[in-house]
PDB file of N, CA and C in Angstrom:
ATOM      1  N   UNK A   1      95.687  -4.203 -98.222  1.00  0.00           N
ATOM      2  CA  UNK A   1      94.588  -3.982 -99.242  1.00  0.00           C
ATOM      3  C   UNK A   1      93.763  -2.806 -99.017  1.00  0.00           C
ATOM      4  N   UNK A   2      93.273  -2.728 -97.698  1.00  0.00           N
ATOM      5  CA  UNK A   2      92.551  -1.550 -97.323  1.00  0.00           C
ATOM      6  C   UNK A   2      93.118  -0.093 -97.767  1.00  0.00           C
ATOM      7  N   UNK A   3      94.412  -0.177 -97.249  1.00  0.00           N
ATOM      8  CA  UNK A   3      95.136   1.063 -97.515  1.00  0.00           C
ATOM      9  C   UNK A   3      95.378   1.361 -99.066  1.00  0.00           C
ATOM     10  N   UNK A   4      95.532   0.384 -99.723  1.00  0.00           N
ATOM     11  CA  UNK A   4      95.670   0.587-101.198  1.00  0.00           C
ATOM     12  C   UNK A   4      94.418   1.206-101.872  1.00  0.00           C
ATOM     13  N   UNK A   5      93.160   0.647-101.408  1.00  0.00           N
ATOM     14  CA  UNK A   5      91.951   1.207-101.884  1.00  0.00           C
ATOM     15  C   UNK A   5      91.651   2.684-101.338  1.00  0.00           C
ATOM     16  N   UNK A   6      92.259   2.910-100.089  1.00  0.00           N
ATOM     17  CA  UNK A   6      92.133   4.416 -99.693  1.00  0.00           C
ATOM     18  C   UNK A   6      92.968   5.252-100.628  1.00  0.00           C
ATOM     19  N   UNK A   7      94.184   4.771-100.845  1.00  0.00           N
ATOM     20  CA  UNK A   7      95.113   5.531-101.552  1.00  0.00           C
ATOM     21  C   UNK A   7      94.567   5.837-102.990  1.00  0.00           C
ATOM     22  N   UNK A   8      93.831   4.917-103.677  1.00  0.00           N
ATOM     23  CA  UNK A   8      93.295   5.022-104.879  1.00  0.00           C
ATOM     24  C   UNK A   8      92.218   6.166-104.830  1.00  0.00           C
ATOM     25  N   UNK A   9      91.377   6.085-103.880  1.00  0.00           N
ATOM     26  CA  UNK A   9      90.275   7.036-103.705  1.00  0.00           C
ATOM     27  C   UNK A   9      90.814   8.422-103.477  1.00  0.00           C
ATOM     28  N   UNK A  10      91.851   8.525-102.715  1.00  0.00           N
ATOM     29  CA  UNK A  10      92.250   9.806-102.264  1.00  0.00           C
ATOM     30  C   UNK A  10      93.344  10.440-103.086  1.00  0.00           C
ATOM     31  N   UNK A  11      93.718   9.773-104.127  1.00  0.00           N
ATOM     32  CA  UNK A  11      94.875  10.295-104.959  1.00  0.00           C
ATOM     33  C   UNK A  11      94.586  11.518-105.501  1.00  0.00           C
ATOM     34  N   UNK A  12      95.410  12.545-105.302  1.00  0.00           N
ATOM     35  CA  UNK A  12      95.229  13.767-106.089  1.00  0.00           C
ATOM     36  C   UNK A  12      95.728  13.548-107.445  1.00  0.00           C
ATOM     37  N   UNK A  13      95.217  14.324-108.496  1.00  0.00           N
ATOM     38  CA  UNK A  13      95.513  14.135-109.746  1.00  0.00           C
ATOM     39  C   UNK A  13      96.967  14.548-109.889  1.00  0.00           C
ATOM     40  N   UNK A  14      97.749  13.893-110.683  1.00  0.00           N
ATOM     41  CA  UNK A  14      99.098  14.229-110.912  1.00  0.00           C
ATOM     42  C   UNK A  14      99.260  15.094-112.154  1.00  0.00           C
ATOM     43  N   UNK A  15     100.133  16.042-112.043  1.00  0.00           N
ATOM     44  CA  UNK A  15     100.351  16.893-113.352  1.00  0.00           C
ATOM     45  C   UNK A  15     100.639  16.026-114.593  1.00  0.00           C
ATOM     46  N   UNK A  16     101.393  15.011-114.517  1.00  0.00           N
ATOM     47  CA  UNK A  16     101.806  14.200-115.579  1.00  0.00           C
ATOM     48  C   UNK A  16     100.581  13.409-116.237  1.00  0.00           C
ATOM     49  N   UNK A  17      99.418  13.460-115.504  1.00  0.00           N
ATOM     50  CA  UNK A  17      98.234  12.714-116.059  1.00  0.00           C
ATOM     51  C   UNK A  17      97.204  13.708-116.786  1.00  0.00           C
ATOM     52  N   UNK A  18      97.508  15.052-116.665  1.00  0.00           N
ATOM     53  CA  UNK A  18      96.522  15.981-117.031  1.00  0.00           C
ATOM     54  C   UNK A  18      96.224  15.678-118.581  1.00  0.00           C
ATOM     55  N   UNK A  19      97.211  15.638-119.511  1.00  0.00           N
ATOM     56  CA  UNK A  19      96.921  15.538-120.825  1.00  0.00           C
ATOM     57  C   UNK A  19      96.091  14.143-121.240  1.00  0.00           C
ATOM     58  N   UNK A  20      96.363  13.079-120.416  1.00  0.00           N
ATOM     59  CA  UNK A  20      95.610  11.976-120.683  1.00  0.00           C
ATOM     60  C   UNK A  20      94.143  12.114-120.245  1.00  0.00           C
ATOM     61  N   UNK A  21      94.011  12.743-119.088  1.00  0.00           N
ATOM     62  CA  UNK A  21      92.620  12.950-118.549  1.00  0.00           C
ATOM     63  C   UNK A  21      91.980  13.910-119.538  1.00  0.00           C
ATOM     64  N   UNK A  22      92.617  15.039-119.805  1.00  0.00           N
ATOM     65  CA  UNK A  22      91.891  15.909-120.841  1.00  0.00           C
ATOM     66  C   UNK A  22      91.319  15.278-122.062  1.00  0.00           C
ATOM     67  N   UNK A  23      91.946  14.294-122.588  1.00  0.00           N
ATOM     68  CA  UNK A  23      91.452  13.537-123.682  1.00  0.00           C
ATOM     69  C   UNK A  23      90.079  12.895-123.546  1.00  0.00           C
ATOM     70  N   UNK A  24      89.806  12.648-122.156  1.00  0.00           N
ATOM     71  CA  UNK A  24      88.414  12.151-121.882  1.00  0.00           C
ATOM     72  C   UNK A  24      87.233  13.109-121.481  1.00  0.00           C
ATOM     73  N   UNK A  25      87.791  14.335-121.526  1.00  0.00           N
ATOM     74  CA  UNK A  25      86.699  15.341-121.087  1.00  0.00           C
ATOM     75  C   UNK A  25      86.023  15.985-122.277  1.00  0.00           C
ATOM     76  N   UNK A  26      85.184  15.124-123.002  1.00  0.00           N
ATOM     77  CA  UNK A  26      84.543  15.849-124.204  1.00  0.00           C
ATOM     78  C   UNK A  26      83.742  17.127-123.842  1.00  0.00           C
ATOM     79  N   UNK A  27      83.023  16.871-122.705  1.00  0.00           N
ATOM     80  CA  UNK A  27      82.101  18.041-122.174  1.00  0.00           C
ATOM     81  C   UNK A  27      82.693  18.703-120.896  1.00  0.00           C
ATOM     82  N   UNK A  28      83.823  19.231-121.055  1.00  0.00           N
ATOM     83  CA  UNK A  28      84.502  19.738-119.865  1.00  0.00           C
ATOM     84  C   UNK A  28      83.758  20.828-119.217  1.00  0.00           C
ATOM     85  N   UNK A  29      82.997  21.658-119.989  1.00  0.00           N
ATOM     86  CA  UNK A  29      82.306  22.789-119.383  1.00  0.00           C
ATOM     87  C   UNK A  29      81.285  22.277-118.349  1.00  0.00           C
ATOM     88  N   UNK A  30      80.563  21.122-118.656  1.00  0.00           N
ATOM     89  CA  UNK A  30      79.447  20.639-117.767  1.00  0.00           C
ATOM     90  C   UNK A  30      80.194  19.943-116.519  1.00  0.00           C
ATOM     91  N   UNK A  31      81.376  19.407-116.721  1.00  0.00           N
ATOM     92  CA  UNK A  31      82.060  18.829-115.700  1.00  0.00           C
ATOM     93  C   UNK A  31      82.571  19.905-114.753  1.00  0.00           C
ATOM     94  N   UNK A  32      82.939  21.096-115.282  1.00  0.00           N
ATOM     95  CA  UNK A  32      83.373  22.113-114.559  1.00  0.00           C
ATOM     96  C   UNK A  32      82.309  22.831-113.623  1.00  0.00           C
ATOM     97  N   UNK A  33      81.093  22.964-114.211  1.00  0.00           N
ATOM     98  CA  UNK A  33      79.910  23.281-113.490  1.00  0.00           C
ATOM     99  C   UNK A  33      79.708  22.417-112.370  1.00  0.00           C
ATOM    100  N   UNK A  34      79.606  21.117-112.602  1.00  0.00           N
ATOM    101  CA  UNK A  34      79.518  20.180-111.594  1.00  0.00           C
ATOM    102  C   UNK A  34      80.505  20.295-110.312  1.00  0.00           C
ATOM    103  N   UNK A  35      81.727  20.623-110.744  1.00  0.00           N
ATOM    104  CA  UNK A  35      82.666  20.868-109.661  1.00  0.00           C
ATOM    105  C   UNK A  35      82.803  22.178-109.154  1.00  0.00           C
ATOM    106  N   UNK A  36      81.795  23.040-109.346  1.00  0.00           N
ATOM    107  CA  UNK A  36      81.576  24.289-108.703  1.00  0.00           C
ATOM    108  C   UNK A  36      82.168  25.427-109.462  1.00  0.00           C
ATOM    109  N   UNK A  37      82.692  25.422-110.725  1.00  0.00           N
ATOM    110  CA  UNK A  37      83.140  26.506-111.422  1.00  0.00           C
ATOM    111  C   UNK A  37      81.929  27.292-111.916  1.00  0.00           C
ATOM    112  N   UNK A  38      82.050  28.514-111.933  1.00  0.00           N
ATOM    113  CA  UNK A  38      80.995  29.537-112.467  1.00  0.00           C
ATOM    114  C   UNK A  38      81.053  29.658-113.860  1.00  0.00           C
ATOM    115  N   UNK A  39      80.005  30.334-114.508  1.00  0.00           N
ATOM    116  CA  UNK A  39      79.940  30.550-115.882  1.00  0.00           C
ATOM    117  C   UNK A  39      81.164  31.376-116.254  1.00  0.00           C
ATOM    118  N   UNK A  40      81.465  32.420-115.591  1.00  0.00           N
ATOM    119  CA  UNK A  40      82.516  33.306-115.859  1.00  0.00           C
ATOM    120  C   UNK A  40      83.931  32.641-115.966  1.00  0.00           C
ATOM    121  N   UNK A  41      84.225  31.704-114.917  1.00  0.00           N
ATOM    122  CA  UNK A  41      85.304  30.862-114.875  1.00  0.00           C
ATOM    123  C   UNK A  41      85.462  30.118-116.144  1.00  0.00           C
ATOM    124  N   UNK A  42      84.342  29.538-116.620  1.00  0.00           N
ATOM    125  CA  UNK A  42      84.409  28.760-117.909  1.00  0.00           C
ATOM    126  C   UNK A  42      84.597  29.501-119.088  1.00  0.00           C
ATOM    127  N   UNK A  43      83.916  30.738-119.273  1.00  0.00           N
ATOM    128  CA  UNK A  43      84.156  31.652-120.171  1.00  0.00           C
ATOM    129  C   UNK A  43      85.574  32.162-120.257  1.00  0.00           C
ATOM    130  N   UNK A  44      86.198  32.472-119.093  1.00  0.00           N
ATOM    131  CA  UNK A  44      87.624  32.906-119.141  1.00  0.00           C
ATOM    132  C   UNK A  44      88.624  31.762-119.716  1.00  0.00           C
ATOM    133  N   UNK A  45      88.307  30.429-119.435  1.00  0.00           N
ATOM    134  CA  UNK A  45      89.168  29.613-119.900  1.00  0.00           C
ATOM    135  C   UNK A  45      88.968  29.373-121.381  1.00  0.00           C
ATOM    136  N   UNK A  46      87.675  29.427-121.819  1.00  0.00           N
ATOM    137  CA  UNK A  46      87.339  29.363-123.299  1.00  0.00           C
ATOM    138  C   UNK A  46      87.978  30.664-124.103  1.00  0.00           C
ATOM    139  N   UNK A  47      87.972  31.703-123.431  1.00  0.00           N
ATOM    140  CA  UNK A  47      88.561  32.953-124.213  1.00  0.00           C
ATOM    141  C   UNK A  47      90.137  32.913-124.229  1.00  0.00           C
ATOM    142  N   UNK A  48      90.713  32.318-123.118  1.00  0.00           N
ATOM    143  CA  UNK A  48      92.044  32.431-122.992  1.00  0.00           C
ATOM    144  C   UNK A  48      92.816  31.291-123.754  1.00  0.00           C
ATOM    145  N   UNK A  49      92.158  30.187-123.918  1.00  0.00           N
ATOM    146  CA  UNK A  49      92.838  29.045-124.604  1.00  0.00           C
ATOM    147  C   UNK A  49      92.057  28.658-125.830  1.00  0.00           C
ATOM    148  N   UNK A  50      92.769  28.537-126.955  1.00  0.00           N
ATOM    149  CA  UNK A  50      92.197  28.378-128.221  1.00  0.00           C
ATOM    150  C   UNK A  50      91.646  26.963-128.527  1.00  0.00           C
ATOM    151  N   UNK A  51      92.535  26.124-128.654  1.00  0.00           N
ATOM    152  CA  UNK A  51      92.073  24.678-128.997  1.00  0.00           C
ATOM    153  C   UNK A  51      91.269  24.042-127.856  1.00  0.00           C
ATOM    154  N   UNK A  52      90.414  23.251-128.114  1.00  0.00           N
ATOM    155  CA  UNK A  52      89.658  22.537-127.121  1.00  0.00           C
ATOM    156  C   UNK A  52      90.449  21.679-126.183  1.00  0.00           C
ATOM    157  N   UNK A  53      91.524  21.045-126.694  1.00  0.00           N
ATOM    158  CA  UNK A  53      92.458  20.357-125.889  1.00  0.00           C
ATOM    159  C   UNK A  53      93.176  21.139-124.769  1.00  0.00           C
ATOM    160  N   UNK A  54      93.475  22.362-125.284  1.00  0.00           N
ATOM    161  CA  UNK A  54      94.126  23.282-124.263  1.00  0.00           C
ATOM    162  C   UNK A  54      93.180  23.723-123.212  1.00  0.00           C
ATOM    163  N   UNK A  55      91.794  23.959-123.638  1.00  0.00           N
ATOM    164  CA  UNK A  55      90.828  24.390-122.681  1.00  0.00           C
ATOM    165  C   UNK A  55      90.700  23.360-121.674  1.00  0.00           C
ATOM    166  N   UNK A  56      90.641  22.035-122.100  1.00  0.00           N
ATOM    167  CA  UNK A  56      90.458  20.931-121.080  1.00  0.00           C
ATOM    168  C   UNK A  56      91.570  20.898-120.108  1.00  0.00           C
ATOM    169  N   UNK A  57      92.782  21.061-120.665  1.00  0.00           N
ATOM    170  CA  UNK A  57      93.955  21.037-119.728  1.00  0.00           C
ATOM    171  C   UNK A  57      93.952  22.251-118.810  1.00  0.00           C
ATOM    172  N   UNK A  58      93.683  23.385-119.446  1.00  0.00           N
ATOM    173  CA  UNK A  58      93.516  24.628-118.486  1.00  0.00           C
ATOM    174  C   UNK A  58      92.471  24.452-117.399  1.00  0.00           C
ATOM    175  N   UNK A  59      91.347  23.809-117.773  1.00  0.00           N
ATOM    176  CA  UNK A  59      90.264  23.581-116.679  1.00  0.00           C
ATOM    177  C   UNK A  59      90.915  22.617-115.603  1.00  0.00           C
ATOM    178  N   UNK A  60      91.488  21.548-115.993  1.00  0.00           N
ATOM    179  CA  UNK A  60      92.046  20.646-114.943  1.00  0.00           C
ATOM    180  C   UNK A  60      92.997  21.255-114.124  1.00  0.00           C
ATOM    181  N   UNK A  61      93.901  22.076-114.595  1.00  0.00           N
ATOM    182  CA  UNK A  61      94.968  22.732-113.942  1.00  0.00           C
ATOM    183  C   UNK A  61      94.374  23.812-112.864  1.00  0.00           C
ATOM    184  N   UNK A  62      93.313  24.468-113.267  1.00  0.00           N
ATOM    185  CA  UNK A  62      92.670  25.418-112.450  1.00  0.00           C
ATOM    186  C   UNK A  62      92.009  24.660-111.315  1.00  0.00           C
ATOM    187  N   UNK A  63      91.298  23.513-111.639  1.00  0.00           N
ATOM    188  CA  UNK A  63      90.628  22.725-110.684  1.00  0.00           C
ATOM    189  C   UNK A  63      91.538  22.132-109.558  1.00  0.00           C
ATOM    190  N   UNK A  64      92.777  21.679-110.103  1.00  0.00           N
ATOM    191  CA  UNK A  64      93.817  20.990-109.136  1.00  0.00           C
ATOM    192  C   UNK A  64      94.300  22.141-108.324  1.00  0.00           C
ATOM    193  N   UNK A  65      94.593  23.388-108.859  1.00  0.00           N
ATOM    194  CA  UNK A  65      95.080  24.476-108.034  1.00  0.00           C
ATOM    195  C   UNK A  65      94.148  24.963-107.046  1.00  0.00           C
ATOM    196  N   UNK A  66      92.850  24.975-107.370  1.00  0.00           N
ATOM    197  CA  UNK A  66      91.829  25.548-106.473  1.00  0.00           C
ATOM    198  C   UNK A  66      91.527  24.523-105.473  1.00  0.00           C
ATOM    199  N   UNK A  67      91.368  23.302-105.707  1.00  0.00           N
ATOM    200  CA  UNK A  67      90.847  22.285-104.748  1.00  0.00           C
ATOM    201  C   UNK A  67      92.110  21.608-104.101  1.00  0.00           C
ATOM    202  N   UNK A  68      93.128  21.592-104.529  1.00  0.00           N
ATOM    203  CA  UNK A  68      94.306  20.882-103.971  1.00  0.00           C
ATOM    204  C   UNK A  68      94.236  19.410-103.927  1.00  0.00           C
ATOM    205  N   UNK A  69      94.399  18.880-102.676  1.00  0.00           N
ATOM    206  CA  UNK A  69      94.236  17.441-102.536  1.00  0.00           C
ATOM    207  C   UNK A  69      92.886  16.916-102.759  1.00  0.00           C
ATOM    208  N   UNK A  70      91.826  17.640-102.810  1.00  0.00           N
ATOM    209  CA  UNK A  70      90.449  17.393-103.172  1.00  0.00           C
ATOM    210  C   UNK A  70      90.219  17.043-104.558  1.00  0.00           C
ATOM    211  N   UNK A  71      91.160  17.527-105.384  1.00  0.00           N
ATOM    212  CA  UNK A  71      91.027  17.257-106.845  1.00  0.00           C
ATOM    213  C   UNK A  71      91.628  15.851-107.294  1.00  0.00           C
ATOM    214  N   UNK A  72      90.726  14.894-107.009  1.00  0.00           N
ATOM    215  CA  UNK A  72      91.104  13.467-107.101  1.00  0.00           C
ATOM    216  C   UNK A  72      90.591  12.833-108.366  1.00  0.00           C
ATOM    217  N   UNK A  73      91.287  11.675-108.699  1.00  0.00           N
ATOM    218  CA  UNK A  73      90.758  10.787-109.787  1.00  0.00           C
ATOM    219  C   UNK A  73      89.358  10.257-109.485  1.00  0.00           C
ATOM    220  N   UNK A  74      89.209   9.972-108.345  1.00  0.00           N
ATOM    221  CA  UNK A  74      87.786   9.307-107.810  1.00  0.00           C
ATOM    222  C   UNK A  74      86.734  10.441-107.994  1.00  0.00           C
ATOM    223  N   UNK A  75      86.866  11.753-107.594  1.00  0.00           N
ATOM    224  CA  UNK A  75      86.071  12.780-107.519  1.00  0.00           C
ATOM    225  C   UNK A  75      85.681  13.120-109.037  1.00  0.00           C
ATOM    226  N   UNK A  76      86.656  13.169-109.853  1.00  0.00           N
ATOM    227  CA  UNK A  76      86.312  13.475-111.267  1.00  0.00           C
ATOM    228  C   UNK A  76      85.781  12.260-111.910  1.00  0.00           C
ATOM    229  N   UNK A  77      85.913  10.998-111.532  1.00  0.00           N
ATOM    230  CA  UNK A  77      85.307   9.842-112.062  1.00  0.00           C
ATOM    231  C   UNK A  77      83.701   9.845-111.600  1.00  0.00           C
ATOM    232  N   UNK A  78      83.513  10.216-110.400  1.00  0.00           N
ATOM    233  CA  UNK A  78      82.112  10.351-109.899  1.00  0.00           C
ATOM    234  C   UNK A  78      81.287  11.232-110.635  1.00  0.00           C
ATOM    235  N   UNK A  79      81.896  12.489-110.910  1.00  0.00           N
ATOM    236  CA  UNK A  79      81.126  13.309-111.718  1.00  0.00           C
ATOM    237  C   UNK A  79      80.838  13.087-113.139  1.00  0.00           C
ATOM    238  N   UNK A  80      81.940  12.336-113.804  1.00  0.00           N
ATOM    239  CA  UNK A  80      81.651  11.700-115.055  1.00  0.00           C
ATOM    240  C   UNK A  80      80.648  10.538-115.045  1.00  0.00           C
ATOM    241  N   UNK A  81      80.508   9.898-114.140  1.00  0.00           N
ATOM    242  CA  UNK A  81      79.503   8.874-113.885  1.00  0.00           C
ATOM    243  C   UNK A  81      78.051   9.591-113.816  1.00  0.00           C
ATOM    244  N   UNK A  82      77.903  10.498-113.136  1.00  0.00           N
ATOM    245  CA  UNK A  82      76.750  11.232-112.984  1.00  0.00           C
ATOM    246  C   UNK A  82      76.297  11.818-114.473  1.00  0.00           C
ATOM    247  N   UNK A  83      77.254  12.047-115.160  1.00  0.00           N
ATOM    248  CA  UNK A  83      77.048  12.581-116.568  1.00  0.00           C
ATOM    249  C   UNK A  83      76.848  11.403-117.489  1.00  0.00           C
ATOM    250  N   UNK A  84      76.876  10.294-117.036  1.00  0.00           N
ATOM    251  CA  UNK A  84      76.719   9.007-117.851  1.00  0.00           C
ATOM    252  C   UNK A  84      77.947   8.958-118.912  1.00  0.00           C
ATOM    253  N   UNK A  85      79.000   9.399-118.414  1.00  0.00           N
ATOM    254  CA  UNK A  85      80.272   9.040-119.115  1.00  0.00           C
ATOM    255  C   UNK A  85      81.110   7.915-118.346  1.00  0.00           C
ATOM    256  N   UNK A  86      80.420   6.844-118.514  1.00  0.00           N
ATOM    257  CA  UNK A  86      81.077   5.751-117.544  1.00  0.00           C
ATOM    258  C   UNK A  86      82.532   5.301-118.142  1.00  0.00           C
ATOM    259  N   UNK A  87      82.612   5.266-119.454  1.00  0.00           N
ATOM    260  CA  UNK A  87      83.843   4.664-119.982  1.00  0.00           C
ATOM    261  C   UNK A  87      85.043   5.653-119.572  1.00  0.00           C
ATOM    262  N   UNK A  88      84.746   6.941-119.746  1.00  0.00           N
ATOM    263  CA  UNK A  88      85.770   8.054-119.360  1.00  0.00           C
ATOM    264  C   UNK A  88      86.028   7.942-117.844  1.00  0.00           C
ATOM    265  N   UNK A  89      84.962   7.657-117.045  1.00  0.00           N
ATOM    266  CA  UNK A  89      85.063   7.586-115.640  1.00  0.00           C
ATOM    267  C   UNK A  89      85.976   6.339-115.374  1.00  0.00           C
ATOM    268  N   UNK A  90      85.839   5.292-115.820  1.00  0.00           N
ATOM    269  CA  UNK A  90      86.534   4.188-115.582  1.00  0.00           C
ATOM    270  C   UNK A  90      87.918   4.286-115.937  1.00  0.00           C
ATOM    271  N   UNK A  91      88.234   4.810-117.084  1.00  0.00           N
ATOM    272  CA  UNK A  91      89.638   4.966-117.695  1.00  0.00           C
ATOM    273  C   UNK A  91      90.341   5.985-116.704  1.00  0.00           C
ATOM    274  N   UNK A  92      89.844   7.107-116.157  1.00  0.00           N
ATOM    275  CA  UNK A  92      90.444   8.048-115.168  1.00  0.00           C
ATOM    276  C   UNK A  92      90.629   7.320-113.824  1.00  0.00           C
ATOM    277  N   UNK A  93      89.731   6.404-113.539  1.00  0.00           N
ATOM    278  CA  UNK A  93      89.647   5.750-112.156  1.00  0.00           C
ATOM    279  C   UNK A  93      90.835   4.684-112.184  1.00  0.00           C
ATOM    280  N   UNK A  94      91.239   4.361-113.351  1.00  0.00           N
ATOM    281  CA  UNK A  94      92.464   3.281-113.497  1.00  0.00           C
ATOM    282  C   UNK A  94      93.763   3.888-113.515  1.00  0.00           C
ATOM    283  N   UNK A  95      93.893   5.131-113.775  1.00  0.00           N
ATOM    284  CA  UNK A  95      95.226   5.791-113.968  1.00  0.00           C
ATOM    285  C   UNK A  95      96.229   5.666-112.795  1.00  0.00           C
ATOM    286  N   UNK A  96      95.605   5.841-111.607  1.00  0.00           N
ATOM    287  CA  UNK A  96      96.697   5.620-110.471  1.00  0.00           C
ATOM    288  C   UNK A  96      97.233   4.182-110.327  1.00  0.00           C
ATOM    289  N   UNK A  97      96.343   3.231-110.674  1.00  0.00           N
ATOM    290  CA  UNK A  97      96.834   1.793-110.687  1.00  0.00           C
ATOM    291  C   UNK A  97      97.810   1.582-111.726  1.00  0.00           C
ATOM    292  N   UNK A  98      97.716   2.130-112.998  1.00  0.00           N
ATOM    293  CA  UNK A  98      98.501   2.004-114.073  1.00  0.00           C
ATOM    294  C   UNK A  98      99.909   2.588-113.618  1.00  0.00           C
ATOM    295  N   UNK A  99      99.864   3.755-113.077  1.00  0.00           N
ATOM    296  CA  UNK A  99     101.023   4.473-112.733  1.00  0.00           C
ATOM    297  C   UNK A  99     101.859   3.614-111.799  1.00  0.00           C
ATOM    298  N   UNK A 100     100.979   3.034-110.801  1.00  0.00           N
ATOM    299  CA  UNK A 100     101.852   2.138-109.702  1.00  0.00           C
ATOM    300  C   UNK A 100     102.383   0.984-110.522  1.00  0.00           C
ATOM    301  N   UNK A 101     101.759   0.322-111.466  1.00  0.00           N
ATOM    302  CA  UNK A 101     102.156  -0.921-112.111  1.00  0.00           C
ATOM    303  C   UNK A 101     103.524  -0.590-112.964  1.00  0.00           C
ATOM    304  N   UNK A 102     103.439   0.691-113.513  1.00  0.00           N
ATOM    305  CA  UNK A 102     104.627   1.037-114.422  1.00  0.00           C
ATOM    306  C   UNK A 102     105.781   1.226-113.462  1.00  0.00           C
ATOM    307  N   UNK A 103     105.604   1.877-112.222  1.00  0.00           N
ATOM    308  CA  UNK A 103     106.711   2.112-111.473  1.00  0.00           C
ATOM    309  C   UNK A 103     107.204   0.954-110.700  1.00  0.00           C
ATOM    310  N   UNK A 104     106.423  -0.156-110.820  1.00  0.00           N
ATOM    311  CA  UNK A 104     107.010  -1.392-110.239  1.00  0.00           C
ATOM    312  C   UNK A 104     106.736  -1.592-108.675  1.00  0.00           C
ATOM    313  N   UNK A 105     105.798  -0.866-108.186  1.00  0.00           N
ATOM    314  CA  UNK A 105     105.424  -1.022-106.746  1.00  0.00           C
ATOM    315  C   UNK A 105     104.122  -1.908-106.554  1.00  0.00           C
TER     316      UNK A 105
END
């Protein structure tokens, strides 16, 4: 049980979940700032990606690339909770468990 809890906390965001997570990031620019992105990084994403959904996905991919195994479901959920986005935080926190249930493990 303890190992399962740790795995959930430490789980790096999977590429296959980016689109689902992006749908929950209505204020991705604020989330990006909380995760250490500078204003120029945010403007670059906004200028290079047209649709808001594409901007959110691009931000997530850059964060995962930059932070590697530290780009976790839990870390993103914590930031969303700080921003009072509790529903989004909970949905994102549940993704690794949903993935595990679907794979039958």
